[in-house]
Amino acid sequence: MQVRIDPVANTDAALLGEFLAGSEWPFHYERHVDANWVRGRLESGHFFGADARSFWIRGEASAAPLGLVRVFDLSDMTPLFDLRVASAARGNGVGTLALRELTRWLFAQHPDGGRLDGYTRHDNLGMRRVFEKCGFTQEALHRRAWRVDEGEPLDAVGYAILREEAEAL
């Protein structure tokens, strides 16, 4: 399988709403989102602007997005990203391929950038495996740092890749 990342456009508001409301996000704080959530994020520059870019994850012959990846804090020395793979596409390597594409894009478009960071919950074993497959190194364990809807906060795990590590892959 191959994937590509295509920029999300201003005109994609309805598609963003459909996509994000169409799946459950079990490892995100907000497991379910709706059109109001998306609208508020669009207005705040969450998906794109001076400091953020978002991309659709698309397959070879797929018209419908397989996922969405957003990179933010682009003006910081350590940008971060949020990766969401649609329920129906999970477990097929989409996340790994998309993170590789995002990493290539970031270092090509931001020549002064030296690293890319990401975080996940300690129990999100699928995402932790994606980080490892993509050459990221676990750098942090933040105890009780990940908010959840119900119950006590969970541990968060931080990963990063340096430019030279990404270029050596």
N, C-alpha and C. Protein backbone atom coordinates (compact mmCIF):
# COMPACT_ATOMS: atom_id res chain seq x y z
N MET A 1 0.84 -1.19 0.00
CA MET A 1 0.00 0.00 0.00
C MET A 1 0.88 1.24 0.00
N GLN A 2 0.42 2.25 -0.69
CA GLN A 2 1.06 3.55 -0.67
C GLN A 2 0.04 4.58 -0.25
N VAL A 3 0.52 5.62 0.42
CA VAL A 3 -0.36 6.73 0.77
C VAL A 3 0.33 8.03 0.37
N ARG A 4 -0.48 9.04 0.24
CA ARG A 4 0.04 10.39 0.01
C ARG A 4 -0.66 11.32 1.00
N ILE A 5 -0.04 12.44 1.24
CA ILE A 5 -0.68 13.45 2.07
C ILE A 5 -0.98 14.65 1.20
N ASP A 6 -2.24 15.05 1.19
CA ASP A 6 -2.71 16.18 0.40
C ASP A 6 -3.16 17.29 1.35
N PRO A 7 -2.77 18.53 1.09
CA PRO A 7 -3.16 19.62 1.99
C PRO A 7 -4.68 19.75 2.14
N VAL A 8 -5.10 20.01 3.36
CA VAL A 8 -6.50 20.34 3.64
C VAL A 8 -6.70 21.79 3.20
N ALA A 9 -7.78 22.05 2.49
CA ALA A 9 -8.06 23.39 1.99
C ALA A 9 -9.15 24.06 2.82
N ASN A 10 -9.23 25.38 2.70
CA ASN A 10 -10.30 26.13 3.38
C ASN A 10 -11.68 25.61 3.01
N THR A 11 -11.81 25.11 1.82
CA THR A 11 -13.11 24.63 1.33
C THR A 11 -13.45 23.22 1.83
N ASP A 12 -12.59 22.63 2.63
CA ASP A 12 -12.79 21.26 3.12
C ASP A 12 -13.53 21.20 4.46
N ALA A 13 -14.15 22.27 4.90
CA ALA A 13 -14.80 22.29 6.22
C ALA A 13 -15.83 21.18 6.36
N ALA A 14 -16.68 20.99 5.37
CA ALA A 14 -17.70 19.95 5.46
C ALA A 14 -17.07 18.57 5.51
N LEU A 15 -16.05 18.33 4.69
CA LEU A 15 -15.37 17.04 4.69
C LEU A 15 -14.67 16.80 6.02
N LEU A 16 -14.06 17.83 6.58
CA LEU A 16 -13.43 17.70 7.90
C LEU A 16 -14.47 17.27 8.94
N GLY A 17 -15.62 17.93 8.91
CA GLY A 17 -16.68 17.59 9.86
C GLY A 17 -17.14 16.16 9.70
N GLU A 18 -17.37 15.74 8.46
CA GLU A 18 -17.80 14.36 8.20
C GLU A 18 -16.74 13.35 8.64
N PHE A 19 -15.51 13.61 8.26
CA PHE A 19 -14.43 12.68 8.58
C PHE A 19 -14.25 12.54 10.09
N LEU A 20 -14.11 13.67 10.78
CA LEU A 20 -13.83 13.62 12.21
C LEU A 20 -15.01 13.09 13.02
N ALA A 21 -16.23 13.39 12.58
CA ALA A 21 -17.41 12.88 13.28
C ALA A 21 -17.69 11.42 12.93
N GLY A 22 -17.07 10.93 11.86
CA GLY A 22 -17.36 9.59 11.37
C GLY A 22 -16.59 8.47 12.05
N SER A 23 -15.67 8.79 12.93
CA SER A 23 -14.89 7.77 13.63
C SER A 23 -14.84 8.11 15.11
N GLU A 24 -14.58 7.10 15.89
CA GLU A 24 -14.28 7.31 17.30
C GLU A 24 -12.77 7.44 17.42
N TRP A 25 -12.33 8.30 18.32
CA TRP A 25 -10.91 8.56 18.53
C TRP A 25 -10.55 8.11 19.95
N PRO A 26 -10.40 6.80 20.16
CA PRO A 26 -10.29 6.26 21.51
C PRO A 26 -9.08 6.71 22.31
N PHE A 27 -8.04 7.20 21.64
CA PHE A 27 -6.86 7.62 22.37
C PHE A 27 -6.70 9.13 22.43
N HIS A 28 -7.72 9.86 22.02
CA HIS A 28 -7.75 11.31 22.14
C HIS A 28 -8.66 11.70 23.30
N TYR A 29 -8.43 12.89 23.81
CA TYR A 29 -9.26 13.36 24.92
C TYR A 29 -10.73 13.40 24.52
N GLU A 30 -11.00 13.94 23.36
CA GLU A 30 -12.38 14.00 22.85
C GLU A 30 -12.58 12.83 21.89
N ARG A 31 -13.16 11.76 22.42
CA ARG A 31 -13.33 10.53 21.63
C ARG A 31 -14.30 10.71 20.47
N HIS A 32 -15.25 11.60 20.63
CA HIS A 32 -16.24 11.89 19.59
C HIS A 32 -16.26 13.40 19.38
N VAL A 33 -16.26 13.81 18.12
CA VAL A 33 -16.35 15.23 17.80
C VAL A 33 -17.50 15.43 16.82
N ASP A 34 -17.95 16.67 16.72
CA ASP A 34 -19.06 16.97 15.81
C ASP A 34 -18.72 18.22 15.00
N ALA A 35 -19.67 18.65 14.18
CA ALA A 35 -19.45 19.81 13.30
C ALA A 35 -19.12 21.07 14.09
N ASN A 36 -19.73 21.26 15.26
CA ASN A 36 -19.44 22.44 16.08
C ASN A 36 -17.99 22.44 16.55
N TRP A 37 -17.50 21.28 16.93
CA TRP A 37 -16.11 21.14 17.35
C TRP A 37 -15.19 21.54 16.20
N VAL A 38 -15.48 21.01 15.01
CA VAL A 38 -14.66 21.31 13.83
C VAL A 38 -14.73 22.81 13.51
N ARG A 39 -15.92 23.37 13.52
CA ARG A 39 -16.09 24.80 13.21
C ARG A 39 -15.26 25.66 14.16
N GLY A 40 -15.32 25.37 15.43
CA GLY A 40 -14.54 26.14 16.41
C GLY A 40 -13.05 26.03 16.16
N ARG A 41 -12.60 24.84 15.80
CA ARG A 41 -11.18 24.65 15.52
C ARG A 41 -10.77 25.37 14.24
N LEU A 42 -11.64 25.35 13.24
CA LEU A 42 -11.34 26.07 12.00
C LEU A 42 -11.17 27.56 12.28
N GLU A 43 -12.07 28.11 13.07
CA GLU A 43 -12.03 29.54 13.37
C GLU A 43 -10.78 29.94 14.16
N SER A 44 -10.27 29.00 14.94
CA SER A 44 -9.10 29.32 15.77
C SER A 44 -7.77 29.08 15.07
N GLY A 45 -7.79 28.56 13.82
CA GLY A 45 -6.53 28.29 13.12
C GLY A 45 -5.92 26.96 13.47
N HIS A 46 -6.70 26.09 14.09
CA HIS A 46 -6.23 24.78 14.55
C HIS A 46 -5.70 23.92 13.40
N PHE A 47 -6.37 23.94 12.27
CA PHE A 47 -6.01 23.05 11.17
C PHE A 47 -5.00 23.63 10.20
N PHE A 48 -5.02 24.93 10.00
CA PHE A 48 -4.03 25.55 9.13
C PHE A 48 -3.96 27.03 9.44
N GLY A 49 -2.82 27.57 9.11
CA GLY A 49 -2.54 28.97 9.38
C GLY A 49 -1.04 29.17 9.43
N ALA A 50 -0.61 30.22 10.08
CA ALA A 50 0.82 30.52 10.14
C ALA A 50 1.60 29.44 10.88
N ASP A 51 0.97 28.78 11.82
CA ASP A 51 1.69 27.86 12.69
C ASP A 51 1.23 26.40 12.58
N ALA A 52 0.34 26.12 11.65
CA ALA A 52 -0.19 24.74 11.54
C ALA A 52 -0.52 24.42 10.09
N ARG A 53 -0.37 23.16 9.74
CA ARG A 53 -0.78 22.63 8.44
C ARG A 53 -1.48 21.30 8.69
N SER A 54 -2.47 21.01 7.87
CA SER A 54 -3.18 19.73 7.97
C SER A 54 -3.20 19.07 6.60
N PHE A 55 -3.19 17.76 6.62
CA PHE A 55 -3.14 16.98 5.39
C PHE A 55 -4.10 15.80 5.47
N TRP A 56 -4.77 15.55 4.35
CA TRP A 56 -5.54 14.33 4.21
C TRP A 56 -4.57 13.20 3.93
N ILE A 57 -4.83 12.06 4.49
CA ILE A 57 -4.08 10.85 4.16
C ILE A 57 -4.95 10.08 3.16
N ARG A 58 -4.41 9.86 1.98
CA ARG A 58 -5.18 9.20 0.92
C ARG A 58 -4.41 8.00 0.39
N GLY A 59 -5.15 6.98 0.01
CA GLY A 59 -4.56 5.79 -0.59
C GLY A 59 -4.43 5.95 -2.09
N GLU A 60 -3.92 4.91 -2.72
CA GLU A 60 -3.67 4.94 -4.16
C GLU A 60 -4.93 5.25 -4.96
N ALA A 61 -6.00 4.52 -4.68
CA ALA A 61 -7.22 4.67 -5.47
C ALA A 61 -8.39 5.18 -4.63
N SER A 62 -8.08 5.65 -3.46
CA SER A 62 -9.13 6.03 -2.52
C SER A 62 -9.54 7.49 -2.70
N ALA A 63 -10.81 7.71 -2.95
CA ALA A 63 -11.31 9.09 -2.99
C ALA A 63 -11.54 9.60 -1.58
N ALA A 64 -12.03 8.73 -0.73
CA ALA A 64 -12.29 9.12 0.66
C ALA A 64 -10.98 9.12 1.44
N PRO A 65 -10.81 10.07 2.35
CA PRO A 65 -9.59 10.10 3.16
C PRO A 65 -9.49 8.88 4.08
N LEU A 66 -8.27 8.38 4.21
CA LEU A 66 -8.00 7.29 5.16
C LEU A 66 -7.65 7.87 6.52
N GLY A 67 -7.26 9.12 6.55
CA GLY A 67 -6.86 9.74 7.80
C GLY A 67 -6.59 11.23 7.62
N LEU A 68 -6.17 11.81 8.72
CA LEU A 68 -5.85 13.23 8.78
C LEU A 68 -4.63 13.38 9.66
N VAL A 69 -3.68 14.18 9.21
CA VAL A 69 -2.51 14.47 10.04
C VAL A 69 -2.33 15.99 10.07
N ARG A 70 -2.10 16.48 11.26
CA ARG A 70 -1.93 17.92 11.47
C ARG A 70 -0.60 18.14 12.16
N VAL A 71 0.20 19.05 11.62
CA VAL A 71 1.45 19.43 12.25
C VAL A 71 1.29 20.87 12.72
N PHE A 72 1.74 21.15 13.92
CA PHE A 72 1.53 22.47 14.51
C PHE A 72 2.75 22.89 15.31
N ASP A 73 2.70 24.11 15.81
CA ASP A 73 3.86 24.74 16.45
C ASP A 73 5.03 24.80 15.47
N LEU A 74 4.71 25.13 14.20
CA LEU A 74 5.74 25.16 13.17
C LEU A 74 6.79 26.24 13.39
N SER A 75 6.46 27.27 14.14
CA SER A 75 7.44 28.31 14.42
C SER A 75 8.34 27.95 15.60
N ASP A 76 8.01 26.90 16.28
CA ASP A 76 8.80 26.42 17.42
C ASP A 76 9.94 25.55 16.90
N MET A 77 10.98 25.40 17.69
CA MET A 77 12.07 24.53 17.26
C MET A 77 11.67 23.05 17.28
N THR A 78 10.55 22.74 17.93
CA THR A 78 10.08 21.37 18.01
C THR A 78 8.61 21.29 17.63
N PRO A 79 8.29 21.22 16.33
CA PRO A 79 6.89 21.05 15.94
C PRO A 79 6.33 19.72 16.46
N LEU A 80 5.03 19.69 16.61
CA LEU A 80 4.32 18.50 17.07
C LEU A 80 3.31 18.10 16.00
N PHE A 81 2.78 16.89 16.13
CA PHE A 81 1.77 16.47 15.17
C PHE A 81 0.67 15.68 15.86
N ASP A 82 -0.48 15.62 15.18
CA ASP A 82 -1.63 14.83 15.60
C ASP A 82 -2.00 13.98 14.40
N LEU A 83 -2.07 12.67 14.58
CA LEU A 83 -2.36 11.73 13.51
C LEU A 83 -3.64 10.98 13.84
N ARG A 84 -4.58 11.00 12.91
CA ARG A 84 -5.86 10.30 13.10
C ARG A 84 -6.12 9.44 11.87
N VAL A 85 -6.27 8.14 12.09
CA VAL A 85 -6.58 7.21 11.01
C VAL A 85 -8.03 6.77 11.21
N ALA A 86 -8.81 6.81 10.12
CA ALA A 86 -10.22 6.43 10.18
C ALA A 86 -10.35 5.00 10.71
N SER A 87 -11.41 4.75 11.45
CA SER A 87 -11.64 3.43 12.06
C SER A 87 -11.45 2.30 11.05
N ALA A 88 -12.03 2.44 9.87
CA ALA A 88 -11.99 1.38 8.86
C ALA A 88 -10.60 1.14 8.29
N ALA A 89 -9.69 2.09 8.43
CA ALA A 89 -8.35 1.97 7.85
C ALA A 89 -7.28 1.57 8.87
N ARG A 90 -7.64 1.46 10.13
CA ARG A 90 -6.65 1.16 11.18
C ARG A 90 -6.14 -0.27 11.05
N GLY A 91 -4.88 -0.45 11.43
CA GLY A 91 -4.27 -1.77 11.42
C GLY A 91 -3.74 -2.19 10.06
N ASN A 92 -3.68 -1.28 9.11
CA ASN A 92 -3.22 -1.60 7.75
C ASN A 92 -1.93 -0.88 7.37
N GLY A 93 -1.26 -0.25 8.31
CA GLY A 93 -0.02 0.44 8.02
C GLY A 93 -0.18 1.88 7.56
N VAL A 94 -1.41 2.38 7.56
CA VAL A 94 -1.67 3.75 7.10
C VAL A 94 -0.93 4.76 7.98
N GLY A 95 -0.98 4.59 9.28
CA GLY A 95 -0.32 5.53 10.19
C GLY A 95 1.18 5.60 9.97
N THR A 96 1.80 4.45 9.77
CA THR A 96 3.25 4.41 9.54
C THR A 96 3.61 5.14 8.25
N LEU A 97 2.90 4.83 7.19
CA LEU A 97 3.18 5.47 5.90
C LEU A 97 2.93 6.97 5.96
N ALA A 98 1.87 7.37 6.63
CA ALA A 98 1.55 8.80 6.73
C ALA A 98 2.59 9.55 7.55
N LEU A 99 3.05 8.96 8.65
CA LEU A 99 4.05 9.64 9.47
C LEU A 99 5.37 9.78 8.71
N ARG A 100 5.71 8.78 7.92
CA ARG A 100 6.92 8.91 7.09
C ARG A 100 6.79 10.06 6.10
N GLU A 101 5.62 10.17 5.46
CA GLU A 101 5.38 11.26 4.51
C GLU A 101 5.41 12.61 5.21
N LEU A 102 4.78 12.70 6.37
CA LEU A 102 4.78 13.96 7.11
C LEU A 102 6.20 14.37 7.51
N THR A 103 6.98 13.41 7.96
CA THR A 103 8.36 13.70 8.36
C THR A 103 9.16 14.22 7.18
N ARG A 104 9.02 13.58 6.01
CA ARG A 104 9.71 14.05 4.81
C ARG A 104 9.26 15.47 4.46
N TRP A 105 7.94 15.70 4.51
CA TRP A 105 7.42 17.03 4.19
C TRP A 105 7.99 18.08 5.13
N LEU A 106 7.96 17.80 6.42
CA LEU A 106 8.40 18.79 7.41
C LEU A 106 9.85 19.19 7.16
N PHE A 107 10.73 18.22 7.02
CA PHE A 107 12.14 18.56 6.87
C PHE A 107 12.44 19.18 5.51
N ALA A 108 11.65 18.86 4.48
CA ALA A 108 11.84 19.50 3.17
C ALA A 108 11.33 20.95 3.19
N GLN A 109 10.22 21.20 3.84
CA GLN A 109 9.60 22.53 3.84
C GLN A 109 10.16 23.46 4.90
N HIS A 110 10.79 22.91 5.90
CA HIS A 110 11.33 23.71 7.00
C HIS A 110 12.81 23.38 7.18
N PRO A 111 13.66 23.93 6.32
CA PRO A 111 15.08 23.56 6.34
C PRO A 111 15.80 23.92 7.63
N ASP A 112 15.24 24.82 8.42
CA ASP A 112 15.89 25.17 9.69
C ASP A 112 15.45 24.25 10.83
N GLY A 113 14.41 23.46 10.59
CA GLY A 113 13.90 22.57 11.63
C GLY A 113 14.82 21.38 11.83
N GLY A 114 14.98 21.02 13.07
CA GLY A 114 15.90 19.93 13.37
C GLY A 114 15.25 18.71 14.00
N ARG A 115 13.95 18.83 14.36
CA ARG A 115 13.31 17.68 15.00
C ARG A 115 11.80 17.77 14.87
N LEU A 116 11.16 16.62 15.05
CA LEU A 116 9.70 16.51 15.05
C LEU A 116 9.34 15.65 16.25
N ASP A 117 8.36 16.12 17.02
CA ASP A 117 7.93 15.41 18.23
C ASP A 117 6.50 14.94 18.10
N GLY A 118 6.17 13.92 18.86
CA GLY A 118 4.80 13.45 18.98
C GLY A 118 4.60 12.78 20.32
N TYR A 119 3.36 12.78 20.77
CA TYR A 119 3.00 12.18 22.05
C TYR A 119 1.81 11.26 21.87
N THR A 120 1.73 10.26 22.72
CA THR A 120 0.56 9.40 22.76
C THR A 120 0.38 8.88 24.17
N ARG A 121 -0.77 8.27 24.38
CA ARG A 121 -0.99 7.63 25.68
C ARG A 121 -0.13 6.38 25.77
N HIS A 122 0.24 6.04 26.99
CA HIS A 122 1.11 4.88 27.19
C HIS A 122 0.44 3.59 26.72
N ASP A 123 -0.89 3.54 26.72
CA ASP A 123 -1.59 2.32 26.33
C ASP A 123 -1.95 2.28 24.85
N ASN A 124 -1.55 3.26 24.07
CA ASN A 124 -1.80 3.25 22.64
C ASN A 124 -0.64 2.52 21.95
N LEU A 125 -0.68 1.21 22.05
CA LEU A 125 0.43 0.39 21.56
C LEU A 125 0.59 0.49 20.04
N GLY A 126 -0.52 0.66 19.33
CA GLY A 126 -0.43 0.81 17.87
C GLY A 126 0.36 2.04 17.49
N MET A 127 0.09 3.17 18.11
CA MET A 127 0.82 4.40 17.79
C MET A 127 2.26 4.31 18.25
N ARG A 128 2.50 3.67 19.36
CA ARG A 128 3.88 3.52 19.83
C ARG A 128 4.68 2.71 18.81
N ARG A 129 4.05 1.72 18.23
CA ARG A 129 4.72 0.91 17.21
C ARG A 129 4.97 1.75 15.94
N VAL A 130 4.02 2.62 15.58
CA VAL A 130 4.21 3.51 14.44
C VAL A 130 5.45 4.37 14.66
N PHE A 131 5.56 4.96 15.84
CA PHE A 131 6.75 5.77 16.13
C PHE A 131 8.03 4.96 15.91
N GLU A 132 8.07 3.76 16.45
CA GLU A 132 9.27 2.92 16.34
C GLU A 132 9.57 2.58 14.89
N LYS A 133 8.56 2.21 14.12
CA LYS A 133 8.77 1.86 12.70
C LYS A 133 9.29 3.05 11.90
N CYS A 134 8.95 4.24 12.32
CA CYS A 134 9.35 5.46 11.60
C CYS A 134 10.66 6.04 12.10
N GLY A 135 11.35 5.35 13.00
CA GLY A 135 12.65 5.80 13.46
C GLY A 135 12.64 6.80 14.59
N PHE A 136 11.49 7.03 15.20
CA PHE A 136 11.40 7.94 16.35
C PHE A 136 11.95 7.25 17.59
N THR A 137 12.51 8.03 18.49
CA THR A 137 13.06 7.54 19.75
C THR A 137 12.18 8.00 20.89
N GLN A 138 11.89 7.08 21.80
CA GLN A 138 11.14 7.49 22.99
C GLN A 138 12.06 8.33 23.86
N GLU A 139 11.61 9.55 24.16
CA GLU A 139 12.42 10.46 24.96
C GLU A 139 11.79 10.78 26.31
N ALA A 140 10.52 10.49 26.47
CA ALA A 140 9.87 10.94 27.70
C ALA A 140 8.74 10.00 28.12
N LEU A 141 8.55 9.95 29.40
CA LEU A 141 7.37 9.34 30.00
C LEU A 141 6.86 10.36 31.01
N HIS A 142 5.68 10.90 30.73
CA HIS A 142 5.09 11.89 31.62
C HIS A 142 3.97 11.20 32.40
N ARG A 143 4.20 11.02 33.67
CA ARG A 143 3.24 10.31 34.50
C ARG A 143 1.99 11.15 34.74
N ARG A 144 0.84 10.50 34.56
CA ARG A 144 -0.48 11.11 34.76
C ARG A 144 -0.61 12.47 34.05
N ALA A 145 -0.18 12.53 32.81
CA ALA A 145 -0.19 13.80 32.08
C ALA A 145 -1.21 13.84 30.95
N TRP A 146 -1.89 12.74 30.66
CA TRP A 146 -2.84 12.67 29.55
C TRP A 146 -4.25 12.66 30.10
N ARG A 147 -4.98 13.75 29.85
CA ARG A 147 -6.35 13.84 30.34
C ARG A 147 -7.25 12.84 29.62
N VAL A 148 -8.17 12.29 30.35
CA VAL A 148 -9.19 11.40 29.78
C VAL A 148 -10.55 11.89 30.28
N ASP A 149 -11.60 11.55 29.52
CA ASP A 149 -12.94 11.99 29.88
C ASP A 149 -13.35 11.55 31.27
N GLU A 150 -13.10 10.31 31.56
CA GLU A 150 -13.50 9.77 32.85
C GLU A 150 -12.29 9.15 33.54
N GLY A 151 -12.17 9.36 34.80
CA GLY A 151 -11.09 8.76 35.55
C GLY A 151 -9.85 9.63 35.66
N GLU A 152 -8.86 9.03 36.24
CA GLU A 152 -7.59 9.71 36.48
C GLU A 152 -6.81 9.87 35.18
N PRO A 153 -5.97 10.91 35.10
CA PRO A 153 -5.12 11.07 33.92
C PRO A 153 -4.20 9.85 33.75
N LEU A 154 -3.85 9.58 32.51
CA LEU A 154 -2.98 8.46 32.18
C LEU A 154 -1.58 8.95 31.85
N ASP A 155 -0.65 8.04 31.78
CA ASP A 155 0.72 8.39 31.42
C ASP A 155 0.79 8.72 29.93
N ALA A 156 1.63 9.68 29.60
CA ALA A 156 1.89 10.06 28.21
C ALA A 156 3.33 9.70 27.86
N VAL A 157 3.54 9.32 26.61
CA VAL A 157 4.86 8.94 26.15
C VAL A 157 5.24 9.87 25.00
N GLY A 158 6.44 10.44 25.08
CA GLY A 158 6.91 11.36 24.05
C GLY A 158 7.99 10.74 23.18
N TYR A 159 7.88 10.97 21.88
CA TYR A 159 8.83 10.46 20.90
C TYR A 159 9.32 11.61 20.04
N ALA A 160 10.51 11.47 19.48
CA ALA A 160 11.05 12.49 18.57
C ALA A 160 11.96 11.84 17.55
N ILE A 161 12.10 12.54 16.43
CA ILE A 161 13.08 12.15 15.42
C ILE A 161 13.85 13.41 15.03
N LEU A 162 15.14 13.28 14.92
CA LEU A 162 15.99 14.38 14.48
C LEU A 162 16.13 14.34 12.96
N ARG A 163 16.40 15.48 12.37
CA ARG A 163 16.54 15.57 10.92
C ARG A 163 17.53 14.52 10.38
N GLU A 164 18.69 14.43 10.99
CA GLU A 164 19.70 13.51 10.47
C GLU A 164 19.27 12.05 10.61
N GLU A 165 18.48 11.75 11.61
CA GLU A 165 17.96 10.39 11.74
C GLU A 165 16.95 10.09 10.63
N ALA A 166 16.09 11.06 10.36
CA ALA A 166 15.09 10.88 9.30
C ALA A 166 15.78 10.75 7.93
N GLU A 167 16.81 11.55 7.69
CA GLU A 167 17.49 11.50 6.41
C GLU A 167 18.26 10.21 6.22
N ALA A 168 18.64 9.55 7.31
CA ALA A 168 19.40 8.29 7.22
C ALA A 168 18.50 7.09 6.96
N LEU A 169 17.18 7.26 7.08
CA LEU A 169 16.26 6.14 6.88
C LEU A 169 16.07 5.84 5.41
